[in-house]
Structures are given as structure tokens and as C-alpha cells.
């Protein structure tokens, strides 16, 4: 039976084929491309040659696309693909993430990517750089000093908050950790931590609830779990989709899940931790102004 992969609810609404696979995603995940083939019929080939210029103009106005069905969770407004992707498929998207080969292939499909490749992950919040803003926010919500903290799936770990703690990053790729951060490459080496963050990870994964529950199990009594995700579609749009609005499409690129504040709240609650803070925060990214959703939960002591 189909269920919400964010909160576990069985209350789902089909949204139709409004998900559009980006060309880079299509190539990386399925090794496929959109293509117009020459007809085997001689007369049709002549027509194709005659109309080639017009076809190119029309494709710029209405480009061809591969569409997939999406669903919305009635309970938490989370949006997911009706048929889930497989982990091994999605892993191909990130096999050499941010390496020379990755950047070269992505530039082929997205020529503007090269101008922002070195800024991916960076943003400012209220005029502060990402780490500084997160550190200020955390210090107003929780008491964190000493112990060990972990960035789960955090690449080099450079976006951990600036706290007087031992810093670790769990990362299966070969990315070199940032100064002062120790990389953990094996699940079996993970222990328990006073603070664990899942920052800009869950929008990429096939089973976010399953991952969040696993990561929550790494939080020691009295410790905290932080989840941060982008809000790619506004709350108003997500509500309109649930009301039956179909004049909209959602591009599936690196992000295969769509979040709202309610979705993050329900996800944190489903981990069994106590939610203590939720915010939708306006940020400036290399691409545009948008909002990130940040939630903090605590494992209470017995």
C-alpha cells in the first residue's frame, strides 16, 4: 500500500503527471536523453528537414519533457513521486558529486552551472554566512557545549555550527573533510552525539522518514536533531495542488521531495523526539532568494 515517505500517513492524493525530470537527472539516473529521431519514411524525413527551424523554435517555447506522477500527503503536505526511485538509481546522480567529471557533465546539460559550481551550498541569512547564522539560531534555541556533534551526509562537514565540540561528518564519498572535522565512512563507526544535523539531505533521498528515524537513534539523551531542507514550492502552491490545481509542474533535479513547515514538523514528530523549534527562514543563495525550513527536536532524558 502506498504511504507518505515523510510521515508514514496513508492519506495520499494523486496530483497527476506534473513532475518533470530534468535532462541532467534523466541522463545520470536512467542514462537516457530526450531525442528526436529521423523518420524511416523518405517523405517524412523531407518534411522534418523542411520544418527543422520551426521545430527548434517550438522546442524553446515548449520543450519536450519526461513526466512522472506525483502525490501529496493530506496529513503533512509533503510531495513525492507516486512510484519511488530506487536507491541504486539515485546513487548514480551523486557517484562523483562535485568532482571534475560531475561538473563537466552537468555543464553539458546546464551551461550556467559552471558559474555557480564553487558556491553550491553557500547562502547568507540575515546578512550572515551560513555557519554563522546557524550558530546564532541554535544558541537561541538550545544549550550546546562540549561533547561530539555530527553532520550526517554532510560532504566535508564544513557547515557544522561553530561550537566548542568535537566535530564529525558521516560521508561515504571520498570528499576530504574540512579542517577540524573527522570523517566517518562506515555506519558501524557511528556512536551517539549531543547534536546531529541532517542539513539539505532529505530532499535528495528515497526514504526520508526511514533515514530520519535512523539518524534520530544517534542522538544521545538530552541531545538534539536538526533538520534543514529547502522549500522549493510555497505553502500556497502546495495547498492549491491539494485542492486539485493542475496548471503547475515541479522539476525533479537533485530534489526528489518537496517540503513545507508542516512536513518537517510531522517528520520530526515521527522520529519520537520532542519538537522545540520550527522556522521558515528567508535566505539568499547563488541562484535566488528562497526559504529554508529548519526544525530542531530534542531527545528528552528519562
C-alpha atoms as a PDB file:
ATOM      1  CA  UNK A   1       0.000   0.000   0.000  1.00  0.00           C
ATOM      2  CA  UNK A   2       1.273   3.450  -0.878  1.00  0.00           C
ATOM      3  CA  UNK A   3       2.200   5.672   2.051  1.00  0.00           C
ATOM      4  CA  UNK A   4       3.791   9.038   2.727  1.00  0.00           C
ATOM      5  CA  UNK A   5       7.532   8.530   2.794  1.00  0.00           C
ATOM      6  CA  UNK A   6       7.882  11.555   5.078  1.00  0.00           C
ATOM      7  CA  UNK A   7       5.381  10.938   7.906  1.00  0.00           C
ATOM      8  CA  UNK A   8       4.014   7.462   7.204  1.00  0.00           C
ATOM      9  CA  UNK A   9       0.408   8.549   6.594  1.00  0.00           C
ATOM     10  CA  UNK A  10      -1.780   6.538   4.216  1.00  0.00           C
ATOM     11  CA  UNK A  11      -3.770   9.645   3.251  1.00  0.00           C
ATOM     12  CA  UNK A  12      -2.395  10.475  -0.175  1.00  0.00           C
ATOM     13  CA  UNK A  13      -3.767  12.444  -3.079  1.00  0.00           C
ATOM     14  CA  UNK A  14      -2.655  11.820  -6.652  1.00  0.00           C
ATOM     15  CA  UNK A  15      -1.566  15.007  -8.407  1.00  0.00           C
ATOM     16  CA  UNK A  16      -1.127  13.561 -11.885  1.00  0.00           C
ATOM     17  CA  UNK A  17       1.843  13.758 -14.231  1.00  0.00           C
ATOM     18  CA  UNK A  18       3.099  17.155 -13.052  1.00  0.00           C
ATOM     19  CA  UNK A  19       6.644  16.064 -12.177  1.00  0.00           C
ATOM     20  CA  UNK A  20       9.194  16.802 -14.906  1.00  0.00           C
ATOM     21  CA  UNK A  21      12.582  15.063 -14.965  1.00  0.00           C
ATOM     22  CA  UNK A  22      15.411  17.496 -15.671  1.00  0.00           C
ATOM     23  CA  UNK A  23      17.729  16.432 -18.551  1.00  0.00           C
ATOM     24  CA  UNK A  24      20.728  16.046 -16.215  1.00  0.00           C
ATOM     25  CA  UNK A  25      18.682  13.874 -13.829  1.00  0.00           C
ATOM     26  CA  UNK A  26      17.402  11.803 -16.750  1.00  0.00           C
ATOM     27  CA  UNK A  27      20.923  11.179 -18.013  1.00  0.00           C
ATOM     28  CA  UNK A  28      22.518  10.436 -14.665  1.00  0.00           C
ATOM     29  CA  UNK A  29      19.797   8.314 -13.116  1.00  0.00           C
ATOM     30  CA  UNK A  30      18.473   6.460 -16.170  1.00  0.00           C
ATOM     31  CA  UNK A  31      21.250   7.012 -18.754  1.00  0.00           C
ATOM     32  CA  UNK A  32      18.613   8.401 -21.111  1.00  0.00           C
ATOM     33  CA  UNK A  33      18.139  11.547 -23.168  1.00  0.00           C
ATOM     34  CA  UNK A  34      15.292  13.248 -24.965  1.00  0.00           C
ATOM     35  CA  UNK A  35      15.776  12.864 -28.686  1.00  0.00           C
ATOM     36  CA  UNK A  36      14.047  13.475 -31.988  1.00  0.00           C
ATOM     37  CA  UNK A  37      14.828  10.696 -34.423  1.00  0.00           C
ATOM     38  CA  UNK A  38      14.779  10.815 -38.200  1.00  0.00           C
ATOM     39  CA  UNK A  39      11.807   9.065 -39.732  1.00  0.00           C
ATOM     40  CA  UNK A  40      12.403   5.885 -41.696  1.00  0.00           C
ATOM     41  CA  UNK A  41       9.943   7.187 -44.284  1.00  0.00           C
ATOM     42  CA  UNK A  42      11.621   9.258 -47.032  1.00  0.00           C
ATOM     43  CA  UNK A  43       8.732  11.691 -47.390  1.00  0.00           C
ATOM     44  CA  UNK A  44       8.528  12.264 -43.658  1.00  0.00           C
ATOM     45  CA  UNK A  45      12.293  12.869 -43.490  1.00  0.00           C
ATOM     46  CA  UNK A  46      11.874  15.564 -46.145  1.00  0.00           C
ATOM     47  CA  UNK A  47       9.179  17.223 -44.054  1.00  0.00           C
ATOM     48  CA  UNK A  48      11.410  17.008 -40.978  1.00  0.00           C
ATOM     49  CA  UNK A  49      14.234  18.785 -42.811  1.00  0.00           C
ATOM     50  CA  UNK A  50      11.861  21.462 -44.091  1.00  0.00           C
ATOM     51  CA  UNK A  51      10.391  22.130 -40.628  1.00  0.00           C
ATOM     52  CA  UNK A  52      13.639  21.793 -38.614  1.00  0.00           C
ATOM     53  CA  UNK A  53      13.979  25.518 -37.892  1.00  0.00           C
ATOM     54  CA  UNK A  54      10.355  25.792 -36.799  1.00  0.00           C
ATOM     55  CA  UNK A  55      10.757  22.736 -34.571  1.00  0.00           C
ATOM     56  CA  UNK A  56      13.747  24.294 -32.803  1.00  0.00           C
ATOM     57  CA  UNK A  57      11.757  27.449 -32.087  1.00  0.00           C
ATOM     58  CA  UNK A  58       8.805  25.445 -30.777  1.00  0.00           C
ATOM     59  CA  UNK A  59      11.090  23.361 -28.543  1.00  0.00           C
ATOM     60  CA  UNK A  60      12.401  26.516 -26.898  1.00  0.00           C
ATOM     61  CA  UNK A  61       8.845  27.631 -26.173  1.00  0.00           C
ATOM     62  CA  UNK A  62       7.557  24.206 -25.178  1.00  0.00           C
ATOM     63  CA  UNK A  63      10.496  21.861 -24.625  1.00  0.00           C
ATOM     64  CA  UNK A  64       9.909  18.097 -24.668  1.00  0.00           C
ATOM     65  CA  UNK A  65       9.851  16.503 -21.239  1.00  0.00           C
ATOM     66  CA  UNK A  66       9.571  13.221 -19.389  1.00  0.00           C
ATOM     67  CA  UNK A  67       6.755  13.480 -16.854  1.00  0.00           C
ATOM     68  CA  UNK A  68       6.168  11.398 -13.723  1.00  0.00           C
ATOM     69  CA  UNK A  69       3.197  11.156 -11.373  1.00  0.00           C
ATOM     70  CA  UNK A  70       3.363  12.972  -8.055  1.00  0.00           C
ATOM     71  CA  UNK A  71       1.429  12.562  -4.826  1.00  0.00           C
ATOM     72  CA  UNK A  72       0.652  14.907  -1.957  1.00  0.00           C
ATOM     73  CA  UNK A  73       0.254  13.775   1.637  1.00  0.00           C
ATOM     74  CA  UNK A  74      -3.007  15.077   3.105  1.00  0.00           C
ATOM     75  CA  UNK A  75      -1.590  14.821   6.631  1.00  0.00           C
ATOM     76  CA  UNK A  76       1.662  16.763   6.129  1.00  0.00           C
ATOM     77  CA  UNK A  77       1.546  18.308   2.581  1.00  0.00           C
ATOM     78  CA  UNK A  78       4.772  16.510   1.590  1.00  0.00           C
ATOM     79  CA  UNK A  79       5.034  15.913  -2.172  1.00  0.00           C
ATOM     80  CA  UNK A  80       6.645  12.727  -3.503  1.00  0.00           C
ATOM     81  CA  UNK A  81       6.763  10.708  -6.702  1.00  0.00           C
ATOM     82  CA  UNK A  82       3.961   8.156  -6.864  1.00  0.00           C
ATOM     83  CA  UNK A  83       6.451   5.434  -7.756  1.00  0.00           C
ATOM     84  CA  UNK A  84       9.561   5.765  -5.584  1.00  0.00           C
ATOM     85  CA  UNK A  85      13.011   5.891  -7.114  1.00  0.00           C
ATOM     86  CA  UNK A  86      15.459   3.156  -6.159  1.00  0.00           C
ATOM     87  CA  UNK A  87      18.497   3.955  -4.047  1.00  0.00           C
ATOM     88  CA  UNK A  88      20.874   2.495  -6.622  1.00  0.00           C
ATOM     89  CA  UNK A  89      19.374   4.773  -9.297  1.00  0.00           C
ATOM     90  CA  UNK A  90      19.686   7.920  -7.191  1.00  0.00           C
ATOM     91  CA  UNK A  91      23.215   6.954  -6.129  1.00  0.00           C
ATOM     92  CA  UNK A  92      24.311   7.351  -9.749  1.00  0.00           C
ATOM     93  CA  UNK A  93      23.362  11.019  -9.534  1.00  0.00           C
ATOM     94  CA  UNK A  94      25.962  11.588  -6.811  1.00  0.00           C
ATOM     95  CA  UNK A  95      28.604   8.959  -7.611  1.00  0.00           C
ATOM     96  CA  UNK A  96      31.277  11.608  -8.291  1.00  0.00           C
ATOM     97  CA  UNK A  97      29.487  14.581  -6.757  1.00  0.00           C
ATOM     98  CA  UNK A  98      31.153  17.951  -7.433  1.00  0.00           C
ATOM     99  CA  UNK A  99      34.190  16.293  -8.996  1.00  0.00           C
ATOM    100  CA  UNK A 100      35.614  17.310 -12.370  1.00  0.00           C
ATOM    101  CA  UNK A 101      33.622  14.626 -14.199  1.00  0.00           C
ATOM    102  CA  UNK A 102      30.394  15.588 -12.433  1.00  0.00           C
ATOM    103  CA  UNK A 103      30.851  19.281 -13.169  1.00  0.00           C
ATOM    104  CA  UNK A 104      31.756  18.638 -16.788  1.00  0.00           C
ATOM    105  CA  UNK A 105      28.675  16.505 -17.435  1.00  0.00           C
ATOM    106  CA  UNK A 106      26.362  18.875 -15.610  1.00  0.00           C
ATOM    107  CA  UNK A 107      27.758  21.840 -17.546  1.00  0.00           C
ATOM    108  CA  UNK A 108      26.876  19.983 -20.744  1.00  0.00           C
ATOM    109  CA  UNK A 109      23.193  19.916 -19.791  1.00  0.00           C
ATOM    110  CA  UNK A 110      23.167  23.158 -17.792  1.00  0.00           C
ATOM    111  CA  UNK A 111      25.709  25.608 -19.246  1.00  0.00           C
ATOM    112  CA  UNK A 112      25.133  28.134 -16.450  1.00  0.00           C
ATOM    113  CA  UNK A 113      26.114  25.656 -13.727  1.00  0.00           C
ATOM    114  CA  UNK A 114      29.796  26.437 -14.150  1.00  0.00           C
ATOM    115  CA  UNK A 115      29.264  29.976 -12.872  1.00  0.00           C
ATOM    116  CA  UNK A 116      27.906  28.749  -9.506  1.00  0.00           C
ATOM    117  CA  UNK A 117      29.597  25.360  -9.058  1.00  0.00           C
ATOM    118  CA  UNK A 118      32.056  26.702  -6.490  1.00  0.00           C
ATOM    119  CA  UNK A 119      29.238  28.320  -4.497  1.00  0.00           C
ATOM    120  CA  UNK A 120      26.929  25.307  -4.170  1.00  0.00           C
ATOM    121  CA  UNK A 121      25.764  25.008  -0.573  1.00  0.00           C
ATOM    122  CA  UNK A 122      26.640  28.589   0.288  1.00  0.00           C
ATOM    123  CA  UNK A 123      23.999  31.103   1.334  1.00  0.00           C
ATOM    124  CA  UNK A 124      23.508  34.085   3.579  1.00  0.00           C
ATOM    125  CA  UNK A 125      20.818  34.530   6.194  1.00  0.00           C
ATOM    126  CA  UNK A 126      20.048  37.976   7.608  1.00  0.00           C
ATOM    127  CA  UNK A 127      23.376  39.086   6.180  1.00  0.00           C
ATOM    128  CA  UNK A 128      25.294  36.295   7.939  1.00  0.00           C
ATOM    129  CA  UNK A 129      27.159  33.434   6.284  1.00  0.00           C
ATOM    130  CA  UNK A 130      25.579  30.004   6.578  1.00  0.00           C
ATOM    131  CA  UNK A 131      27.593  28.651   9.512  1.00  0.00           C
ATOM    132  CA  UNK A 132      27.416  31.889  11.490  1.00  0.00           C
ATOM    133  CA  UNK A 133      23.643  32.157  11.008  1.00  0.00           C
ATOM    134  CA  UNK A 134      23.040  28.558  12.081  1.00  0.00           C
ATOM    135  CA  UNK A 135      25.243  29.010  15.156  1.00  0.00           C
ATOM    136  CA  UNK A 136      23.322  32.123  16.233  1.00  0.00           C
ATOM    137  CA  UNK A 137      19.976  30.388  15.652  1.00  0.00           C
ATOM    138  CA  UNK A 138      20.975  27.305  17.652  1.00  0.00           C
ATOM    139  CA  UNK A 139      22.262  29.356  20.571  1.00  0.00           C
ATOM    140  CA  UNK A 140      18.796  30.924  20.919  1.00  0.00           C
ATOM    141  CA  UNK A 141      17.035  27.541  20.926  1.00  0.00           C
ATOM    142  CA  UNK A 142      19.285  25.094  22.769  1.00  0.00           C
ATOM    143  CA  UNK A 143      22.199  24.679  25.148  1.00  0.00           C
ATOM    144  CA  UNK A 144      25.088  23.075  23.316  1.00  0.00           C
ATOM    145  CA  UNK A 145      28.605  22.939  24.683  1.00  0.00           C
ATOM    146  CA  UNK A 146      31.108  20.120  24.759  1.00  0.00           C
ATOM    147  CA  UNK A 147      30.577  16.599  23.558  1.00  0.00           C
ATOM    148  CA  UNK A 148      30.574  15.413  19.965  1.00  0.00           C
ATOM    149  CA  UNK A 149      28.450  16.671  17.078  1.00  0.00           C
ATOM    150  CA  UNK A 150      27.753  15.020  13.720  1.00  0.00           C
ATOM    151  CA  UNK A 151      26.810  16.146  10.226  1.00  0.00           C
ATOM    152  CA  UNK A 152      25.090  13.116   8.657  1.00  0.00           C
ATOM    153  CA  UNK A 153      25.674  13.082   4.897  1.00  0.00           C
ATOM    154  CA  UNK A 154      27.314  16.484   5.066  1.00  0.00           C
ATOM    155  CA  UNK A 155      30.023  16.118   2.393  1.00  0.00           C
ATOM    156  CA  UNK A 156      33.096  17.715   4.029  1.00  0.00           C
ATOM    157  CA  UNK A 157      31.297  18.817   7.201  1.00  0.00           C
ATOM    158  CA  UNK A 158      32.140  22.487   6.730  1.00  0.00           C
ATOM    159  CA  UNK A 159      28.570  23.543   7.524  1.00  0.00           C
ATOM    160  CA  UNK A 160      28.558  22.262  11.107  1.00  0.00           C
ATOM    161  CA  UNK A 161      27.800  25.041  13.607  1.00  0.00           C
ATOM    162  CA  UNK A 162      30.690  26.870  15.239  1.00  0.00           C
ATOM    163  CA  UNK A 163      30.521  25.197  18.660  1.00  0.00           C
ATOM    164  CA  UNK A 164      33.275  24.112  21.097  1.00  0.00           C
ATOM    165  CA  UNK A 165      32.721  20.422  20.332  1.00  0.00           C
ATOM    166  CA  UNK A 166      34.389  17.506  18.601  1.00  0.00           C
ATOM    167  CA  UNK A 167      33.142  17.613  15.011  1.00  0.00           C
ATOM    168  CA  UNK A 168      32.397  14.599  12.841  1.00  0.00           C
ATOM    169  CA  UNK A 169      30.882  14.091   9.402  1.00  0.00           C
ATOM    170  CA  UNK A 170      29.404  10.846   8.135  1.00  0.00           C
ATOM    171  CA  UNK A 171      30.149  10.741   4.423  1.00  0.00           C
ATOM    172  CA  UNK A 172      30.592   7.707   2.181  1.00  0.00           C
ATOM    173  CA  UNK A 173      32.241   9.610  -0.687  1.00  0.00           C
ATOM    174  CA  UNK A 174      35.954  10.398  -0.770  1.00  0.00           C
ATOM    175  CA  UNK A 175      35.499  14.128  -0.180  1.00  0.00           C
ATOM    176  CA  UNK A 176      38.225  15.402   2.130  1.00  0.00           C
ATOM    177  CA  UNK A 177      36.783  16.690   5.438  1.00  0.00           C
ATOM    178  CA  UNK A 178      37.066  20.357   6.355  1.00  0.00           C
ATOM    179  CA  UNK A 179      39.755  21.420   8.845  1.00  0.00           C
ATOM    180  CA  UNK A 180      38.817  20.381  12.371  1.00  0.00           C
ATOM    181  CA  UNK A 181      36.288  17.778  11.180  1.00  0.00           C
ATOM    182  CA  UNK A 182      36.811  13.999  11.367  1.00  0.00           C
ATOM    183  CA  UNK A 183      35.272  11.911   8.605  1.00  0.00           C
ATOM    184  CA  UNK A 184      33.404   8.690   9.397  1.00  0.00           C
ATOM    185  CA  UNK A 185      32.980   6.456   6.357  1.00  0.00           C
ATOM    186  CA  UNK A 186      31.304   3.389   7.887  1.00  0.00           C
ATOM    187  CA  UNK A 187      27.906   3.190   9.606  1.00  0.00           C
ATOM    188  CA  UNK A 188      29.359   0.784  12.152  1.00  0.00           C
ATOM    189  CA  UNK A 189      31.728   3.521  13.360  1.00  0.00           C
ATOM    190  CA  UNK A 190      28.905   5.897  14.299  1.00  0.00           C
ATOM    191  CA  UNK A 191      28.258   6.389  18.004  1.00  0.00           C
ATOM    192  CA  UNK A 192      25.924   8.766  19.867  1.00  0.00           C
ATOM    193  CA  UNK A 193      26.144  12.557  19.722  1.00  0.00           C
ATOM    194  CA  UNK A 194      24.916  15.607  21.557  1.00  0.00           C
ATOM    195  CA  UNK A 195      23.849  17.163  18.267  1.00  0.00           C
ATOM    196  CA  UNK A 196      23.210  15.635  14.849  1.00  0.00           C
ATOM    197  CA  UNK A 197      22.212  17.548  11.743  1.00  0.00           C
ATOM    198  CA  UNK A 198      20.509  16.400   8.552  1.00  0.00           C
ATOM    199  CA  UNK A 199      21.069  19.553   6.561  1.00  0.00           C
ATOM    200  CA  UNK A 200      19.920  19.624   2.939  1.00  0.00           C
ATOM    201  CA  UNK A 201      19.923  15.839   2.710  1.00  0.00           C
ATOM    202  CA  UNK A 202      16.312  14.641   2.980  1.00  0.00           C
ATOM    203  CA  UNK A 203      15.131  16.374  -0.194  1.00  0.00           C
ATOM    204  CA  UNK A 204      17.539  14.060  -2.070  1.00  0.00           C
ATOM    205  CA  UNK A 205      16.749  10.641  -0.579  1.00  0.00           C
ATOM    206  CA  UNK A 206      14.237   7.955  -1.478  1.00  0.00           C
ATOM    207  CA  UNK A 207      13.045   7.207   2.083  1.00  0.00           C
ATOM    208  CA  UNK A 208      13.330  10.347   4.242  1.00  0.00           C
ATOM    209  CA  UNK A 209      11.310   9.013   7.197  1.00  0.00           C
ATOM    210  CA  UNK A 210      13.422   5.878   7.371  1.00  0.00           C
ATOM    211  CA  UNK A 211      16.615   7.946   7.308  1.00  0.00           C
ATOM    212  CA  UNK A 212      15.371  10.484   9.870  1.00  0.00           C
ATOM    213  CA  UNK A 213      14.434   7.743  12.323  1.00  0.00           C
ATOM    214  CA  UNK A 214      17.822   6.109  11.913  1.00  0.00           C
ATOM    215  CA  UNK A 215      19.672   9.381  12.437  1.00  0.00           C
ATOM    216  CA  UNK A 216      17.485  10.220  15.458  1.00  0.00           C
ATOM    217  CA  UNK A 217      18.704   6.992  17.055  1.00  0.00           C
ATOM    218  CA  UNK A 218      22.214   8.506  17.107  1.00  0.00           C
ATOM    219  CA  UNK A 219      21.098  11.388  19.356  1.00  0.00           C
ATOM    220  CA  UNK A 220      22.020  10.846  22.975  1.00  0.00           C
ATOM    221  CA  UNK A 221      19.596  11.664  25.840  1.00  0.00           C
ATOM    222  CA  UNK A 222      19.356  15.426  26.167  1.00  0.00           C
ATOM    223  CA  UNK A 223      20.788  15.854  22.676  1.00  0.00           C
ATOM    224  CA  UNK A 224      19.332  17.484  19.581  1.00  0.00           C
ATOM    225  CA  UNK A 225      18.460  16.626  15.989  1.00  0.00           C
ATOM    226  CA  UNK A 226      18.370  19.437  13.441  1.00  0.00           C
ATOM    227  CA  UNK A 227      16.671  19.022  10.073  1.00  0.00           C
ATOM    228  CA  UNK A 228      17.007  21.677   7.382  1.00  0.00           C
ATOM    229  CA  UNK A 229      15.525  21.446   3.887  1.00  0.00           C
ATOM    230  CA  UNK A 230      14.711  23.916   1.111  1.00  0.00           C
ATOM    231  CA  UNK A 231      11.129  24.959   0.483  1.00  0.00           C
ATOM    232  CA  UNK A 232      11.071  24.669  -3.293  1.00  0.00           C
ATOM    233  CA  UNK A 233       7.317  25.287  -3.621  1.00  0.00           C
ATOM    234  CA  UNK A 234       5.453  27.786  -1.479  1.00  0.00           C
ATOM    235  CA  UNK A 235       2.849  26.731   1.079  1.00  0.00           C
ATOM    236  CA  UNK A 236       0.215  28.417  -1.099  1.00  0.00           C
ATOM    237  CA  UNK A 237       1.186  26.283  -4.113  1.00  0.00           C
ATOM    238  CA  UNK A 238       1.207  23.074  -2.066  1.00  0.00           C
ATOM    239  CA  UNK A 239      -2.289  23.898  -0.790  1.00  0.00           C
ATOM    240  CA  UNK A 240      -3.510  24.629  -4.313  1.00  0.00           C
ATOM    241  CA  UNK A 241      -2.157  21.297  -5.529  1.00  0.00           C
ATOM    242  CA  UNK A 242      -4.166  19.524  -2.847  1.00  0.00           C
ATOM    243  CA  UNK A 243      -7.279  21.399  -3.974  1.00  0.00           C
ATOM    244  CA  UNK A 244      -6.935  19.913  -7.474  1.00  0.00           C
ATOM    245  CA  UNK A 245      -4.914  22.605  -9.265  1.00  0.00           C
ATOM    246  CA  UNK A 246      -3.055  21.055 -12.200  1.00  0.00           C
ATOM    247  CA  UNK A 247      -1.697  24.117 -14.034  1.00  0.00           C
ATOM    248  CA  UNK A 248       1.729  23.660 -12.461  1.00  0.00           C
ATOM    249  CA  UNK A 249       4.792  21.478 -12.863  1.00  0.00           C
ATOM    250  CA  UNK A 250       7.569  20.525 -10.464  1.00  0.00           C
ATOM    251  CA  UNK A 251      11.026  19.908 -11.882  1.00  0.00           C
ATOM    252  CA  UNK A 252      12.824  16.915 -10.414  1.00  0.00           C
ATOM    253  CA  UNK A 253      16.522  17.548 -10.467  1.00  0.00           C
ATOM    254  CA  UNK A 254      18.566  16.861  -7.364  1.00  0.00           C
ATOM    255  CA  UNK A 255      15.495  17.365  -5.175  1.00  0.00           C
ATOM    256  CA  UNK A 256      13.027  14.489  -5.409  1.00  0.00           C
ATOM    257  CA  UNK A 257      10.952  15.562  -2.375  1.00  0.00           C
ATOM    258  CA  UNK A 258       9.014  18.770  -1.679  1.00  0.00           C
ATOM    259  CA  UNK A 259       8.792  20.118   1.881  1.00  0.00           C
ATOM    260  CA  UNK A 260       6.700  22.551   3.891  1.00  0.00           C
ATOM    261  CA  UNK A 261       6.965  23.624   7.533  1.00  0.00           C
ATOM    262  CA  UNK A 262       4.182  21.162   8.393  1.00  0.00           C
ATOM    263  CA  UNK A 263       6.023  18.339   6.635  1.00  0.00           C
ATOM    264  CA  UNK A 264       9.183  18.979   8.688  1.00  0.00           C
ATOM    265  CA  UNK A 265       7.144  19.137  11.889  1.00  0.00           C
ATOM    266  CA  UNK A 266       5.405  15.821  11.172  1.00  0.00           C
ATOM    267  CA  UNK A 267       8.709  14.213  10.217  1.00  0.00           C
ATOM    268  CA  UNK A 268      10.383  15.256  13.467  1.00  0.00           C
ATOM    269  CA  UNK A 269       7.383  14.042  15.456  1.00  0.00           C
ATOM    270  CA  UNK A 270       7.576  10.696  13.664  1.00  0.00           C
ATOM    271  CA  UNK A 271      11.154  10.232  14.925  1.00  0.00           C
ATOM    272  CA  UNK A 272       9.877  10.173  18.511  1.00  0.00           C
ATOM    273  CA  UNK A 273      11.822  13.284  19.555  1.00  0.00           C
ATOM    274  CA  UNK A 274      10.231  16.409  21.012  1.00  0.00           C
ATOM    275  CA  UNK A 275       9.992  19.327  18.600  1.00  0.00           C
ATOM    276  CA  UNK A 276      11.276  22.518  20.202  1.00  0.00           C
ATOM    277  CA  UNK A 277      11.704  24.916  17.263  1.00  0.00           C
ATOM    278  CA  UNK A 278      10.440  25.328  13.676  1.00  0.00           C
ATOM    279  CA  UNK A 279      11.203  28.208  11.336  1.00  0.00           C
ATOM    280  CA  UNK A 280      10.864  29.124   7.673  1.00  0.00           C
ATOM    281  CA  UNK A 281      13.911  31.309   7.060  1.00  0.00           C
ATOM    282  CA  UNK A 282      14.425  33.620   4.054  1.00  0.00           C
ATOM    283  CA  UNK A 283      17.896  33.186   2.571  1.00  0.00           C
ATOM    284  CA  UNK A 284      19.953  34.435  -0.354  1.00  0.00           C
ATOM    285  CA  UNK A 285      21.528  31.642  -2.413  1.00  0.00           C
ATOM    286  CA  UNK A 286      23.777  31.870  -5.501  1.00  0.00           C
ATOM    287  CA  UNK A 287      20.689  31.168  -7.605  1.00  0.00           C
ATOM    288  CA  UNK A 288      17.894  33.167  -5.977  1.00  0.00           C
ATOM    289  CA  UNK A 289      16.119  34.272  -2.844  1.00  0.00           C
ATOM    290  CA  UNK A 290      14.153  31.445  -1.250  1.00  0.00           C
ATOM    291  CA  UNK A 291      13.177  29.951   2.096  1.00  0.00           C
ATOM    292  CA  UNK A 292      14.764  27.128   4.038  1.00  0.00           C
ATOM    293  CA  UNK A 293      12.830  25.211   6.663  1.00  0.00           C
ATOM    294  CA  UNK A 294      14.680  24.471   9.876  1.00  0.00           C
ATOM    295  CA  UNK A 295      13.424  22.247  12.666  1.00  0.00           C
ATOM    296  CA  UNK A 296      15.047  21.273  15.957  1.00  0.00           C
ATOM    297  CA  UNK A 297      13.998  18.380  18.183  1.00  0.00           C
ATOM    298  CA  UNK A 298      15.376  17.016  21.431  1.00  0.00           C
ATOM    299  CA  UNK A 299      15.644  13.573  22.963  1.00  0.00           C
ATOM    300  CA  UNK A 300      14.499  14.113  26.498  1.00  0.00           C
ATOM    301  CA  UNK A 301      16.326  12.464  29.367  1.00  0.00           C
ATOM    302  CA  UNK A 302      14.453   9.704  31.225  1.00  0.00           C
END
